[in-house]
N, C-alpha and C. Protein backbone atom coordinates (compact mmCIF):
# COMPACT_ATOMS: atom_id res chain seq x y z
N UNK A 1 -76.34 61.28 -28.10
CA UNK A 1 -75.87 63.00 -27.60
C UNK A 1 -74.21 63.22 -27.33
N UNK A 2 -73.49 64.65 -28.32
CA UNK A 2 -72.35 64.72 -28.62
C UNK A 2 -71.99 64.67 -27.15
N UNK A 3 -70.35 64.73 -26.70
CA UNK A 3 -69.42 64.61 -25.68
C UNK A 3 -69.99 66.87 -25.71
N UNK A 4 -70.00 66.96 -24.38
CA UNK A 4 -69.74 68.33 -23.91
C UNK A 4 -68.25 68.79 -24.28
N UNK A 5 -68.35 70.14 -24.68
CA UNK A 5 -66.46 71.08 -25.12
C UNK A 5 -66.01 71.08 -23.75
N UNK A 6 -64.39 71.49 -23.76
CA UNK A 6 -64.09 71.51 -22.49
C UNK A 6 -64.91 73.31 -21.94
N UNK A 7 -65.08 73.86 -23.09
CA UNK A 7 -65.79 75.30 -22.96
C UNK A 7 -66.62 75.05 -22.10
N UNK A 8 -67.49 73.88 -23.04
CA UNK A 8 -69.29 73.74 -22.37
C UNK A 8 -69.12 73.51 -20.42
N UNK A 9 -68.15 72.27 -20.17
CA UNK A 9 -67.89 72.25 -18.79
C UNK A 9 -67.17 73.06 -17.86
N UNK A 10 -66.18 74.54 -18.76
CA UNK A 10 -65.73 75.33 -17.67
C UNK A 10 -67.19 76.65 -17.39
N UNK A 11 -67.66 76.78 -18.66
CA UNK A 11 -68.86 77.41 -18.30
C UNK A 11 -69.94 76.62 -17.45
N UNK A 12 -70.21 75.46 -17.68
CA UNK A 12 -71.23 74.92 -16.22
C UNK A 12 -70.45 75.06 -15.01
N UNK A 13 -68.99 74.63 -14.54
CA UNK A 13 -68.57 75.25 -13.45
C UNK A 13 -68.78 76.04 -12.84
N UNK A 14 -67.90 77.40 -13.39
CA UNK A 14 -68.11 78.78 -13.21
C UNK A 14 -69.91 78.75 -13.09
N UNK A 15 -70.75 78.74 -13.46
CA UNK A 15 -72.34 78.94 -13.43
C UNK A 15 -72.74 78.32 -12.03
N UNK A 16 -72.44 77.02 -11.89
CA UNK A 16 -72.81 76.34 -10.65
C UNK A 16 -72.40 77.20 -9.42
N UNK A 17 -70.71 77.21 -9.17
CA UNK A 17 -70.12 77.93 -8.67
C UNK A 17 -70.71 78.88 -7.78
N UNK A 18 -70.80 79.89 -8.77
CA UNK A 18 -71.42 81.36 -9.04
C UNK A 18 -72.80 81.01 -8.27
N UNK A 19 -74.03 80.14 -8.83
CA UNK A 19 -75.49 79.74 -8.00
C UNK A 19 -75.07 79.77 -6.61
N UNK A 20 -74.29 78.76 -6.12
CA UNK A 20 -74.17 78.36 -5.21
C UNK A 20 -73.76 79.43 -4.55
N UNK A 21 -72.85 80.38 -4.59
CA UNK A 21 -72.75 81.58 -3.76
C UNK A 21 -70.93 81.22 -3.24
N UNK A 22 -70.63 82.08 -2.49
CA UNK A 22 -69.12 82.47 -1.97
C UNK A 22 -69.43 81.21 -0.93
N UNK A 23 -68.44 81.19 -0.54
CA UNK A 23 -68.28 80.40 0.52
C UNK A 23 -68.81 78.92 0.38
N UNK A 24 -69.41 78.39 -0.50
CA UNK A 24 -69.94 77.19 -0.67
C UNK A 24 -69.49 76.54 -1.31
N UNK A 25 -69.35 75.06 -1.59
CA UNK A 25 -69.22 74.34 -3.05
C UNK A 25 -69.87 73.58 -3.17
N UNK A 26 -69.68 73.32 -4.45
CA UNK A 26 -70.46 72.19 -5.53
C UNK A 26 -69.38 70.60 -5.72
N UNK A 27 -70.39 69.97 -5.95
CA UNK A 27 -69.69 68.21 -6.42
C UNK A 27 -69.57 68.30 -7.55
N UNK A 28 -68.10 67.49 -8.37
CA UNK A 28 -68.16 67.45 -9.72
C UNK A 28 -69.52 66.46 -10.26
N UNK A 29 -69.83 65.98 -9.20
CA UNK A 29 -70.78 65.09 -10.55
C UNK A 29 -72.36 66.14 -10.41
N UNK A 30 -72.58 67.18 -9.40
CA UNK A 30 -73.13 67.88 -10.14
C UNK A 30 -72.86 68.53 -11.33
N UNK A 31 -71.81 69.19 -12.01
CA UNK A 31 -71.36 69.51 -13.21
C UNK A 31 -71.72 68.71 -14.15
N UNK A 32 -71.39 67.04 -14.35
CA UNK A 32 -71.68 66.01 -14.70
C UNK A 32 -72.96 65.76 -15.02
N UNK A 33 -73.84 65.88 -14.41
CA UNK A 33 -75.18 65.84 -14.09
C UNK A 33 -75.90 66.80 -15.12
N UNK A 34 -75.30 68.08 -14.87
CA UNK A 34 -76.25 69.22 -15.20
C UNK A 34 -75.51 69.44 -16.95
N UNK A 35 -74.69 68.31 -17.55
CA UNK A 35 -74.23 68.33 -18.79
C UNK A 35 -74.54 67.20 -19.64
N UNK A 36 -74.70 65.85 -18.29
CA UNK A 36 -75.04 64.27 -18.79
C UNK A 36 -76.08 64.10 -19.08
N UNK A 37 -77.02 64.45 -17.81
CA UNK A 37 -78.97 64.26 -17.79
C UNK A 37 -78.17 63.22 -16.37
N UNK A 38 -79.63 63.02 -15.75
CA UNK A 38 -79.73 62.51 -14.35
C UNK A 38 -78.84 60.63 -14.52
N UNK A 39 -78.85 60.32 -16.04
CA UNK A 39 -78.76 58.70 -15.71
C UNK A 39 -77.57 58.45 -16.09
N UNK A 40 -77.00 57.39 -14.72
CA UNK A 40 -75.28 57.18 -14.77
C UNK A 40 -74.77 57.39 -16.19
N UNK A 41 -75.21 56.85 -16.94
CA UNK A 41 -74.48 56.38 -18.38
C UNK A 41 -74.36 57.32 -18.75
N UNK A 42 -75.07 58.66 -18.81
CA UNK A 42 -74.70 60.30 -19.44
C UNK A 42 -74.05 61.04 -18.76
N UNK A 43 -73.75 60.97 -16.93
CA UNK A 43 -73.36 61.69 -16.59
C UNK A 43 -71.58 61.07 -15.93
N UNK A 44 -71.80 59.74 -16.02
CA UNK A 44 -70.33 59.40 -14.96
C UNK A 44 -69.51 59.17 -16.30
N UNK A 45 -69.11 59.08 -17.39
CA UNK A 45 -67.82 58.73 -18.24
C UNK A 45 -67.70 60.72 -18.44
N UNK A 46 -68.32 61.49 -17.87
CA UNK A 46 -67.74 63.41 -17.76
C UNK A 46 -67.28 63.38 -16.87
N UNK A 47 -67.00 62.55 -15.47
CA UNK A 47 -66.17 62.83 -14.24
C UNK A 47 -64.92 62.98 -14.67
N UNK A 48 -64.50 62.50 -15.76
CA UNK A 48 -62.58 62.30 -15.81
C UNK A 48 -62.59 64.13 -16.53
N UNK A 49 -63.71 64.43 -17.43
CA UNK A 49 -63.11 65.87 -18.29
C UNK A 49 -63.36 66.89 -17.43
N UNK A 50 -64.84 66.61 -16.39
CA UNK A 50 -64.81 67.18 -15.14
C UNK A 50 -63.45 68.34 -14.99
N UNK A 51 -62.85 66.64 -13.83
CA UNK A 51 -61.70 67.07 -13.49
C UNK A 51 -60.24 67.97 -14.08
N UNK A 52 -59.96 67.20 -15.37
CA UNK A 52 -59.56 68.26 -15.90
C UNK A 52 -59.53 70.19 -16.01
N UNK A 53 -60.71 70.07 -16.40
CA UNK A 53 -61.11 71.14 -16.53
C UNK A 53 -61.39 72.00 -15.07
N UNK A 54 -61.68 71.65 -14.24
CA UNK A 54 -61.57 71.54 -12.73
C UNK A 54 -60.02 72.42 -12.61
N UNK A 55 -59.26 71.28 -12.76
CA UNK A 55 -57.97 71.67 -12.97
C UNK A 55 -57.49 72.69 -13.61
N UNK A 56 -57.63 72.85 -14.57
CA UNK A 56 -57.05 73.98 -15.49
C UNK A 56 -57.60 75.36 -14.79
N UNK A 57 -59.26 75.33 -14.64
CA UNK A 57 -59.85 76.53 -13.80
C UNK A 57 -59.02 76.64 -12.81
N UNK A 58 -58.52 76.07 -11.96
CA UNK A 58 -57.67 76.47 -10.61
C UNK A 58 -56.61 76.47 -10.91
N UNK A 59 -55.69 76.28 -11.39
CA UNK A 59 -54.31 77.11 -12.39
C UNK A 59 -54.41 78.99 -12.91
N UNK A 60 -55.85 78.37 -13.59
CA UNK A 60 -56.24 79.95 -13.97
C UNK A 60 -56.59 80.93 -12.88
N UNK A 61 -57.11 80.25 -11.68
CA UNK A 61 -57.83 81.37 -10.81
C UNK A 61 -58.99 81.26 -10.73
N UNK A 62 -59.50 80.89 -11.31
CA UNK A 62 -61.60 80.72 -11.43
C UNK A 62 -61.94 80.43 -10.04
N UNK A 63 -61.61 79.36 -10.05
CA UNK A 63 -61.93 78.14 -8.91
C UNK A 63 -60.84 77.60 -8.02
N UNK A 64 -61.28 76.48 -6.73
CA UNK A 64 -60.36 76.33 -5.72
C UNK A 64 -61.39 74.75 -5.78
N UNK A 65 -60.02 74.08 -5.98
CA UNK A 65 -60.55 72.76 -5.79
C UNK A 65 -60.41 72.56 -4.41
N UNK A 66 -61.21 71.70 -3.61
CA UNK A 66 -61.04 71.55 -2.01
C UNK A 66 -61.15 70.01 -1.63
N UNK A 67 -59.83 69.77 -1.03
CA UNK A 67 -60.41 67.91 -0.25
C UNK A 67 -60.17 68.59 1.76
N UNK A 68 -61.77 67.83 1.98
CA UNK A 68 -62.03 68.23 3.08
C UNK A 68 -61.55 69.86 3.65
N UNK A 69 -62.23 70.27 3.29
CA UNK A 69 -62.23 71.93 2.84
C UNK A 69 -61.32 72.62 2.52
N UNK A 70 -60.36 71.96 2.39
CA UNK A 70 -58.62 72.92 2.13
C UNK A 70 -58.36 73.04 0.57
N UNK A 71 -58.02 73.91 0.26
CA UNK A 71 -57.04 74.04 -0.52
C UNK A 71 -56.39 72.71 -1.48
N UNK A 72 -56.14 72.28 -2.23
CA UNK A 72 -55.25 71.18 -3.11
C UNK A 72 -54.24 71.74 -3.87
N UNK A 73 -53.44 70.65 -4.00
CA UNK A 73 -52.47 70.87 -5.39
C UNK A 73 -53.00 70.41 -6.23
N UNK A 74 -53.46 71.54 -7.11
CA UNK A 74 -53.77 70.99 -8.80
C UNK A 74 -53.02 69.99 -9.18
N UNK A 75 -52.15 69.65 -8.88
CA UNK A 75 -51.21 68.60 -9.97
C UNK A 75 -51.31 66.98 -9.10
N UNK A 76 -51.95 67.14 -8.09
CA UNK A 76 -51.39 65.94 -7.03
C UNK A 76 -52.62 66.04 -6.09
N UNK A 77 -54.11 65.84 -6.54
CA UNK A 77 -54.92 65.39 -5.44
C UNK A 77 -55.45 64.30 -5.73
N UNK A 78 -55.76 63.59 -4.65
CA UNK A 78 -56.88 62.25 -5.27
C UNK A 78 -57.75 61.83 -4.44
N UNK A 79 -59.04 61.33 -4.70
CA UNK A 79 -60.33 60.96 -4.09
C UNK A 79 -61.34 62.10 -4.54
N UNK A 80 -61.90 62.16 -3.37
CA UNK A 80 -63.44 63.17 -3.60
C UNK A 80 -62.89 64.21 -3.19
N UNK A 81 -63.64 65.04 -3.85
CA UNK A 81 -63.17 66.94 -3.93
C UNK A 81 -64.18 67.69 -3.80
N UNK A 82 -64.20 68.77 -3.91
CA UNK A 82 -65.05 70.11 -3.93
C UNK A 82 -65.50 70.98 -4.82
N UNK A 83 -65.88 71.75 -5.29
CA UNK A 83 -65.44 73.03 -6.42
C UNK A 83 -66.07 74.05 -5.75
N UNK A 84 -65.04 75.05 -5.38
CA UNK A 84 -65.92 76.78 -4.78
C UNK A 84 -64.96 77.89 -6.06
N UNK A 85 -65.77 78.93 -5.79
CA UNK A 85 -65.06 80.11 -6.03
C UNK A 85 -64.29 80.79 -5.21
N UNK A 86 -62.83 81.00 -5.54
CA UNK A 86 -61.86 81.44 -4.85
C UNK A 86 -62.40 82.12 -3.48
N UNK A 87 -61.41 82.24 -2.38
CA UNK A 87 -62.05 83.21 -1.31
C UNK A 87 -61.80 84.69 -1.13
């Protein structure tokens, strides 16, 4: 199986966030699973690429990365995060 491109990841992030709706968040692992399948060997390696694309999308104003419900600095955040559409 080929690795998804950044464009594939971007489309998936935006589609899942739109599907979830305004005011709701998605987990980055949902994006990785949508692209890599249910088995951890398929989706786990995608977590880094998903994060990189999410950071780029936040810099472009297309999504918001949240930690504990608050927007983060896309250049400097750690740990568990969620993704939402802009308010």
